[in-house]
Amino acid sequence: MFNRSESEIAVAKRLVQSVTTAPTLAQSLPLGFNLDALHLQVGTLNLLESRHCSYVIALKANQKQLYQRTQRLVQQQAPLAQASHRETQRGRQTQRSIGVYPFYDNLPKRWA
């Protein structure tokens, strides 16, 4: 983002709208977006769904209820697929893990 006069959320929504309405691109490719936790908002999800986009959005603990429900899901079911990666950079060890789980039917209506 070149200037701070507009929020990152608004810029991302505008990007989704622009890309999904570009005639050649929108009709020729399946579109997918990978967004950070800032974009885990009902309005953004509604936009992505209405444009028939695939998406992955990070979830952090500051989305308390959704995070707690997701944690319960992870504890109760085995993932369909999973991967883990460890690395050390500048003396700091980092481990990243991802799990793919089936759709959770008991999500609050605004998140389903």
N, C-alpha and C. Protein backbone atom coordinates (compact mmCIF):
# COMPACT_ATOMS: atom_id res chain seq x y z
N MET A 1 0.86 -1.15 0.00
CA MET A 1 0.00 0.00 0.00
C MET A 1 0.91 1.23 0.00
N PHE A 2 0.72 2.12 -0.95
CA PHE A 2 1.61 3.26 -1.10
C PHE A 2 1.31 4.39 -0.13
N ASN A 3 0.08 4.59 0.25
CA ASN A 3 -0.22 5.62 1.25
C ASN A 3 -1.20 5.05 2.26
N ARG A 4 -1.25 5.69 3.38
CA ARG A 4 -2.07 5.20 4.49
C ARG A 4 -3.45 5.85 4.53
N SER A 5 -3.88 6.46 3.45
CA SER A 5 -5.19 7.11 3.46
C SER A 5 -6.33 6.12 3.35
N GLU A 6 -6.01 4.87 3.07
CA GLU A 6 -7.03 3.83 2.93
C GLU A 6 -6.57 2.59 3.68
N SER A 7 -7.49 1.91 4.34
CA SER A 7 -7.12 0.74 5.12
C SER A 7 -6.73 -0.43 4.22
N GLU A 8 -5.94 -1.33 4.76
CA GLU A 8 -5.54 -2.53 4.02
C GLU A 8 -6.76 -3.38 3.68
N ILE A 9 -7.74 -3.39 4.57
CA ILE A 9 -8.97 -4.17 4.32
C ILE A 9 -9.68 -3.63 3.08
N ALA A 10 -9.82 -2.32 2.98
CA ALA A 10 -10.49 -1.72 1.82
C ALA A 10 -9.71 -1.97 0.54
N VAL A 11 -8.39 -1.90 0.62
CA VAL A 11 -7.55 -2.15 -0.55
C VAL A 11 -7.70 -3.60 -1.02
N ALA A 12 -7.71 -4.54 -0.07
CA ALA A 12 -7.86 -5.96 -0.42
C ALA A 12 -9.23 -6.22 -1.06
N LYS A 13 -10.27 -5.62 -0.52
CA LYS A 13 -11.60 -5.80 -1.12
C LYS A 13 -11.65 -5.24 -2.53
N ARG A 14 -11.03 -4.08 -2.72
CA ARG A 14 -10.99 -3.49 -4.06
C ARG A 14 -10.21 -4.38 -5.03
N LEU A 15 -9.13 -4.97 -4.54
CA LEU A 15 -8.35 -5.89 -5.36
C LEU A 15 -9.19 -7.10 -5.79
N VAL A 16 -9.91 -7.69 -4.84
CA VAL A 16 -10.78 -8.84 -5.16
C VAL A 16 -11.81 -8.42 -6.20
N GLN A 17 -12.43 -7.27 -6.02
CA GLN A 17 -13.43 -6.80 -6.98
C GLN A 17 -12.83 -6.58 -8.36
N SER A 18 -11.65 -5.97 -8.39
CA SER A 18 -11.01 -5.69 -9.68
C SER A 18 -10.61 -6.96 -10.42
N VAL A 19 -9.98 -7.87 -9.69
CA VAL A 19 -9.50 -9.11 -10.31
C VAL A 19 -10.67 -9.97 -10.77
N THR A 20 -11.71 -10.03 -9.98
CA THR A 20 -12.83 -10.92 -10.33
C THR A 20 -13.74 -10.33 -11.39
N THR A 21 -13.60 -9.06 -11.70
CA THR A 21 -14.42 -8.48 -12.77
C THR A 21 -13.62 -8.23 -14.04
N ALA A 22 -12.32 -8.52 -14.02
CA ALA A 22 -11.51 -8.39 -15.24
C ALA A 22 -11.95 -9.50 -16.19
N PRO A 23 -12.58 -9.16 -17.31
CA PRO A 23 -13.22 -10.18 -18.16
C PRO A 23 -12.34 -11.35 -18.54
N THR A 24 -11.16 -11.10 -19.05
CA THR A 24 -10.32 -12.19 -19.52
C THR A 24 -9.83 -13.04 -18.38
N LEU A 25 -9.35 -12.40 -17.34
CA LEU A 25 -8.80 -13.13 -16.20
C LEU A 25 -9.88 -13.89 -15.45
N ALA A 26 -10.98 -13.23 -15.14
CA ALA A 26 -12.03 -13.86 -14.33
C ALA A 26 -12.65 -15.06 -15.03
N GLN A 27 -12.70 -15.04 -16.32
CA GLN A 27 -13.33 -16.14 -17.04
C GLN A 27 -12.36 -17.26 -17.38
N SER A 28 -11.06 -16.98 -17.36
CA SER A 28 -10.10 -17.98 -17.81
C SER A 28 -9.44 -18.78 -16.70
N LEU A 29 -9.43 -18.27 -15.47
CA LEU A 29 -8.70 -18.93 -14.39
C LEU A 29 -9.57 -19.08 -13.15
N PRO A 30 -9.39 -20.17 -12.43
CA PRO A 30 -10.01 -20.22 -11.10
C PRO A 30 -9.22 -19.29 -10.19
N LEU A 31 -9.90 -18.46 -9.43
CA LEU A 31 -9.22 -17.47 -8.61
C LEU A 31 -9.17 -17.90 -7.15
N GLY A 32 -8.02 -17.69 -6.55
CA GLY A 32 -7.85 -18.00 -5.14
C GLY A 32 -7.05 -16.91 -4.46
N PHE A 33 -7.34 -16.70 -3.20
CA PHE A 33 -6.66 -15.67 -2.42
C PHE A 33 -6.15 -16.26 -1.12
N ASN A 34 -4.99 -15.81 -0.70
CA ASN A 34 -4.39 -16.18 0.57
C ASN A 34 -4.23 -14.89 1.37
N LEU A 35 -5.00 -14.74 2.45
CA LEU A 35 -5.03 -13.49 3.19
C LEU A 35 -4.65 -13.71 4.65
N ASP A 36 -4.09 -12.68 5.27
CA ASP A 36 -3.74 -12.82 6.68
C ASP A 36 -4.98 -12.59 7.55
N ALA A 37 -4.80 -12.75 8.85
CA ALA A 37 -5.92 -12.74 9.80
C ALA A 37 -6.69 -11.43 9.82
N LEU A 38 -6.07 -10.35 9.42
CA LEU A 38 -6.75 -9.06 9.37
C LEU A 38 -8.02 -9.12 8.52
N HIS A 39 -8.01 -9.98 7.52
CA HIS A 39 -9.12 -10.05 6.56
C HIS A 39 -10.18 -11.08 6.93
N LEU A 40 -10.05 -11.69 8.09
CA LEU A 40 -11.07 -12.66 8.53
C LEU A 40 -12.25 -11.89 9.11
N GLN A 41 -13.03 -11.33 8.20
CA GLN A 41 -14.19 -10.53 8.54
C GLN A 41 -15.35 -10.95 7.65
N VAL A 42 -16.54 -10.83 8.20
CA VAL A 42 -17.73 -11.28 7.48
C VAL A 42 -17.83 -10.61 6.11
N GLY A 43 -17.59 -9.31 6.03
CA GLY A 43 -17.71 -8.60 4.75
C GLY A 43 -16.75 -9.12 3.69
N THR A 44 -15.52 -9.40 4.11
CA THR A 44 -14.53 -9.93 3.17
C THR A 44 -14.90 -11.32 2.72
N LEU A 45 -15.34 -12.17 3.66
CA LEU A 45 -15.75 -13.53 3.30
C LEU A 45 -16.96 -13.51 2.37
N ASN A 46 -17.92 -12.63 2.64
CA ASN A 46 -19.09 -12.52 1.76
C ASN A 46 -18.68 -12.12 0.34
N LEU A 47 -17.74 -11.19 0.23
CA LEU A 47 -17.26 -10.76 -1.08
C LEU A 47 -16.60 -11.92 -1.82
N LEU A 48 -15.71 -12.64 -1.14
CA LEU A 48 -15.02 -13.78 -1.76
C LEU A 48 -16.02 -14.85 -2.20
N GLU A 49 -16.99 -15.14 -1.34
CA GLU A 49 -18.01 -16.14 -1.68
C GLU A 49 -18.87 -15.69 -2.86
N SER A 50 -19.26 -14.43 -2.87
CA SER A 50 -20.12 -13.94 -3.95
C SER A 50 -19.40 -13.96 -5.30
N ARG A 51 -18.07 -13.91 -5.27
CA ARG A 51 -17.27 -13.94 -6.50
C ARG A 51 -16.78 -15.35 -6.82
N HIS A 52 -17.22 -16.34 -6.04
CA HIS A 52 -16.88 -17.75 -6.24
C HIS A 52 -15.36 -17.99 -6.21
N CYS A 53 -14.70 -17.34 -5.27
CA CYS A 53 -13.25 -17.47 -5.12
C CYS A 53 -12.90 -18.52 -4.07
N SER A 54 -11.83 -19.20 -4.29
CA SER A 54 -11.24 -20.05 -3.25
C SER A 54 -10.40 -19.14 -2.38
N TYR A 55 -10.28 -19.48 -1.10
CA TYR A 55 -9.48 -18.63 -0.23
C TYR A 55 -8.97 -19.39 0.98
N VAL A 56 -7.87 -18.89 1.50
CA VAL A 56 -7.29 -19.34 2.76
C VAL A 56 -7.04 -18.07 3.55
N ILE A 57 -7.57 -18.02 4.77
CA ILE A 57 -7.37 -16.85 5.62
C ILE A 57 -6.89 -17.34 6.98
N ALA A 58 -5.85 -16.72 7.47
CA ALA A 58 -5.29 -17.08 8.77
C ALA A 58 -6.30 -16.77 9.88
N LEU A 59 -6.21 -17.54 10.96
CA LEU A 59 -7.05 -17.33 12.13
C LEU A 59 -6.13 -17.16 13.33
N LYS A 60 -6.35 -16.09 14.10
CA LYS A 60 -5.56 -15.84 15.29
C LYS A 60 -6.48 -15.81 16.51
N ALA A 61 -5.88 -15.86 17.68
CA ALA A 61 -6.63 -15.94 18.93
C ALA A 61 -7.46 -14.70 19.23
N ASN A 62 -7.23 -13.58 18.54
CA ASN A 62 -8.04 -12.39 18.81
C ASN A 62 -9.47 -12.51 18.26
N GLN A 63 -9.74 -13.52 17.46
CA GLN A 63 -11.11 -13.86 17.06
C GLN A 63 -11.55 -14.95 18.04
N LYS A 64 -11.82 -14.53 19.27
CA LYS A 64 -11.90 -15.45 20.41
C LYS A 64 -12.87 -16.62 20.21
N GLN A 65 -14.13 -16.36 19.92
CA GLN A 65 -15.11 -17.45 19.80
C GLN A 65 -14.80 -18.38 18.64
N LEU A 66 -14.49 -17.82 17.49
CA LEU A 66 -14.17 -18.64 16.32
C LEU A 66 -12.90 -19.45 16.57
N TYR A 67 -11.92 -18.81 17.19
CA TYR A 67 -10.67 -19.51 17.51
C TYR A 67 -10.92 -20.67 18.47
N GLN A 68 -11.72 -20.46 19.51
CA GLN A 68 -12.02 -21.53 20.47
C GLN A 68 -12.76 -22.68 19.81
N ARG A 69 -13.73 -22.37 18.96
CA ARG A 69 -14.45 -23.44 18.25
C ARG A 69 -13.51 -24.22 17.34
N THR A 70 -12.62 -23.50 16.68
CA THR A 70 -11.66 -24.15 15.79
C THR A 70 -10.71 -25.03 16.59
N GLN A 71 -10.27 -24.54 17.74
CA GLN A 71 -9.39 -25.35 18.60
C GLN A 71 -10.07 -26.65 19.01
N ARG A 72 -11.35 -26.57 19.36
CA ARG A 72 -12.11 -27.79 19.73
C ARG A 72 -12.18 -28.76 18.55
N LEU A 73 -12.42 -28.22 17.36
CA LEU A 73 -12.46 -29.06 16.16
C LEU A 73 -11.13 -29.78 15.97
N VAL A 74 -10.04 -29.05 16.10
CA VAL A 74 -8.71 -29.63 15.91
C VAL A 74 -8.44 -30.72 16.94
N GLN A 75 -8.93 -30.54 18.14
CA GLN A 75 -8.70 -31.54 19.20
C GLN A 75 -9.59 -32.77 19.03
N GLN A 76 -10.74 -32.62 18.38
CA GLN A 76 -11.70 -33.71 18.27
C GLN A 76 -11.55 -34.55 17.00
N GLN A 77 -10.93 -34.01 15.97
CA GLN A 77 -10.86 -34.72 14.70
C GLN A 77 -9.43 -34.79 14.19
N ALA A 78 -9.17 -35.83 13.47
CA ALA A 78 -7.87 -35.95 12.81
C ALA A 78 -7.91 -35.13 11.52
N PRO A 79 -6.81 -34.49 11.15
CA PRO A 79 -6.80 -33.71 9.92
C PRO A 79 -6.87 -34.62 8.69
N LEU A 80 -7.43 -34.09 7.63
CA LEU A 80 -7.45 -34.81 6.35
C LEU A 80 -6.05 -34.83 5.75
N ALA A 81 -5.29 -33.78 6.00
CA ALA A 81 -3.90 -33.67 5.54
C ALA A 81 -3.18 -32.73 6.49
N GLN A 82 -1.86 -32.90 6.60
CA GLN A 82 -1.09 -32.00 7.45
C GLN A 82 0.35 -31.94 6.99
N ALA A 83 1.00 -30.84 7.35
CA ALA A 83 2.41 -30.65 7.03
C ALA A 83 3.02 -29.76 8.10
N SER A 84 4.34 -29.92 8.27
CA SER A 84 5.06 -29.12 9.26
C SER A 84 6.43 -28.77 8.69
N HIS A 85 6.92 -27.61 9.08
CA HIS A 85 8.22 -27.15 8.59
C HIS A 85 8.96 -26.45 9.71
N ARG A 86 10.22 -26.79 9.91
CA ARG A 86 11.07 -26.13 10.90
C ARG A 86 12.22 -25.45 10.19
N GLU A 87 12.60 -24.28 10.73
CA GLU A 87 13.76 -23.60 10.18
C GLU A 87 14.42 -22.77 11.28
N THR A 88 15.68 -22.51 11.08
CA THR A 88 16.43 -21.64 11.98
C THR A 88 17.04 -20.53 11.15
N GLN A 89 16.71 -19.31 11.50
CA GLN A 89 17.26 -18.14 10.82
C GLN A 89 17.68 -17.13 11.86
N ARG A 90 18.90 -16.65 11.74
CA ARG A 90 19.44 -15.66 12.67
C ARG A 90 19.32 -16.12 14.13
N GLY A 91 19.55 -17.40 14.34
CA GLY A 91 19.51 -17.95 15.69
C GLY A 91 18.11 -18.17 16.26
N ARG A 92 17.10 -17.97 15.46
CA ARG A 92 15.72 -18.14 15.92
C ARG A 92 15.09 -19.35 15.26
N GLN A 93 14.54 -20.24 16.06
CA GLN A 93 13.88 -21.42 15.52
C GLN A 93 12.39 -21.14 15.34
N THR A 94 11.89 -21.54 14.20
CA THR A 94 10.48 -21.35 13.89
C THR A 94 9.91 -22.68 13.41
N GLN A 95 8.72 -23.01 13.88
CA GLN A 95 8.02 -24.18 13.37
C GLN A 95 6.65 -23.73 12.89
N ARG A 96 6.33 -24.08 11.67
CA ARG A 96 5.02 -23.78 11.11
C ARG A 96 4.33 -25.10 10.80
N SER A 97 3.08 -25.19 11.18
CA SER A 97 2.29 -26.39 10.92
C SER A 97 0.97 -25.99 10.31
N ILE A 98 0.46 -26.86 9.47
CA ILE A 98 -0.84 -26.64 8.87
C ILE A 98 -1.60 -27.95 8.86
N GLY A 99 -2.88 -27.86 9.11
CA GLY A 99 -3.75 -29.03 9.04
C GLY A 99 -4.99 -28.67 8.25
N VAL A 100 -5.46 -29.60 7.47
CA VAL A 100 -6.68 -29.40 6.69
C VAL A 100 -7.75 -30.28 7.31
N TYR A 101 -8.86 -29.64 7.70
CA TYR A 101 -9.94 -30.33 8.39
C TYR A 101 -11.22 -30.23 7.58
N PRO A 102 -12.14 -31.17 7.79
CA PRO A 102 -13.42 -31.07 7.09
C PRO A 102 -14.19 -29.84 7.57
N PHE A 103 -15.13 -29.40 6.76
CA PHE A 103 -15.94 -28.25 7.11
C PHE A 103 -16.65 -28.50 8.44
N TYR A 104 -16.67 -27.50 9.27
CA TYR A 104 -17.25 -27.61 10.61
C TYR A 104 -18.69 -27.12 10.56
N ASP A 105 -19.65 -28.01 10.68
CA ASP A 105 -21.07 -27.68 10.55
C ASP A 105 -21.60 -26.77 11.65
N ASN A 106 -20.97 -26.74 12.80
CA ASN A 106 -21.52 -25.98 13.93
C ASN A 106 -20.95 -24.57 14.05
N LEU A 107 -20.44 -24.02 12.97
CA LEU A 107 -19.96 -22.64 13.01
C LEU A 107 -21.15 -21.70 13.16
N PRO A 108 -20.97 -20.56 13.83
CA PRO A 108 -22.04 -19.57 13.85
C PRO A 108 -22.42 -19.19 12.43
N LYS A 109 -23.68 -18.89 12.21
CA LYS A 109 -24.19 -18.64 10.86
C LYS A 109 -23.37 -17.59 10.10
N ARG A 110 -22.88 -16.55 10.78
CA ARG A 110 -22.14 -15.52 10.07
C ARG A 110 -20.80 -16.00 9.54
N TRP A 111 -20.26 -17.12 10.06
CA TRP A 111 -18.98 -17.64 9.59
C TRP A 111 -19.15 -18.84 8.68
N ALA A 112 -20.34 -19.38 8.57
CA ALA A 112 -20.54 -20.60 7.76
C ALA A 112 -20.75 -20.24 6.30
